[in-house]
Protein backbone atom coordinates (compact mmCIF):
# COMPACT_ATOMS: atom_id res chain seq x y z
CA MET A 1 0.01 -0.01 0.03
CA THR A 2 1.25 3.47 -0.89
CA LYS A 3 1.42 6.42 1.45
CA GLY A 4 -1.58 8.05 -0.34
CA GLU A 5 -3.69 4.98 0.10
CA ASN A 6 -2.90 4.84 3.76
CA ALA A 7 -3.96 8.44 4.13
CA TRP A 8 -7.36 7.64 2.61
CA ILE A 9 -7.86 4.63 4.87
CA GLU A 10 -6.94 6.59 8.00
CA ALA A 11 -9.26 9.50 7.01
CA LYS A 12 -12.12 7.01 6.41
CA LYS A 13 -11.69 5.52 9.89
CA LYS A 14 -11.09 8.82 11.68
CA TYR A 15 -14.00 10.79 10.16
CA CYS A 16 -16.42 7.84 9.87
CA LEU A 17 -16.80 8.10 6.11
CA MET A 18 -18.37 5.56 3.86
CA ASP A 19 -16.71 4.19 0.64
CA ALA A 20 -18.90 6.48 -1.43
CA HIS A 21 -17.74 9.56 0.51
CA VAL A 22 -14.09 8.63 -0.02
CA GLN A 23 -14.70 8.01 -3.77
CA MET A 24 -16.45 11.36 -4.09
CA ALA A 25 -13.62 13.13 -2.26
CA LYS A 26 -11.06 11.45 -4.55
CA GLU A 27 -13.04 12.55 -7.68
CA LEU A 28 -13.10 16.08 -6.27
CA GLY A 29 -9.37 16.08 -5.80
CA MET A 30 -9.55 16.56 -2.03
CA ASN A 31 -6.53 15.89 0.20
CA PRO A 32 -7.34 13.56 3.09
CA ARG A 33 -4.68 15.18 5.25
CA LYS A 34 -6.60 18.42 5.11
CA PHE A 35 -9.88 16.96 6.44
CA GLY A 36 -9.21 18.08 9.96
CA SER A 37 -9.82 21.72 9.12
CA LEU A 38 -13.04 20.81 7.41
CA ALA A 39 -14.33 18.34 9.96
CA ASN A 40 -14.59 20.52 13.09
CA HIS A 41 -18.40 21.15 12.98
CA GLN A 42 -18.63 20.49 16.71
CA GLN A 43 -16.39 23.37 17.56
CA GLU A 44 -17.66 25.55 14.74
CA PRO A 45 -21.45 25.01 14.59
CA TRP A 46 -21.94 26.77 11.27
CA LYS A 47 -19.99 24.06 9.50
CA VAL A 48 -21.79 20.91 8.28
CA PRO A 49 -20.32 17.45 9.00
CA LEU A 50 -17.58 16.42 6.59
CA SER A 51 -19.70 13.69 4.83
CA GLU A 52 -22.45 16.25 4.11
CA PHE A 53 -19.87 18.77 2.96
CA ILE A 54 -18.39 16.29 0.46
CA GLU A 55 -21.94 15.39 -0.80
CA GLU A 56 -22.76 19.11 -1.30
CA ILE A 57 -19.59 19.93 -3.13
CA TYR A 58 -19.92 16.75 -5.34
CA TYR A 59 -23.46 17.65 -6.30
CA LYS A 60 -22.43 21.23 -7.20
CA ARG A 61 -19.55 19.99 -9.36
CA PHE A 62 -20.98 16.94 -11.02
CA GLY A 63 -24.76 17.46 -10.79
CA ARG A 64 -25.48 14.00 -9.21
CA LYS A 65 -25.88 12.72 -5.65
CA GLY A 66 -23.01 10.24 -5.71
CA PRO A 67 -20.46 8.35 -7.80
CA THR A 68 -21.70 5.90 -10.46
CA SER A 69 -19.43 3.10 -9.09
CA VAL A 70 -17.75 2.73 -5.76
CA PRO A 71 -14.79 0.36 -5.44
CA GLY A 72 -14.79 -1.86 -2.44
CA SER A 73 -18.60 -1.97 -2.12
């Protein structure tokens, strides 16, 4: 496993993301090491949870609710 793959696996566990959220984040070109600044919705109540944020951005960019295929599912 490469360093990049490990970062995605760790982010999935740490932020309780589903395979679909990880796939959407990859397609969006997001960096899993930067999720900490995006995922602090408990300290900053105006932010939505990370999974919802990924879904919103994905919909704005691609016009659909989720990826067409999700590896690992």
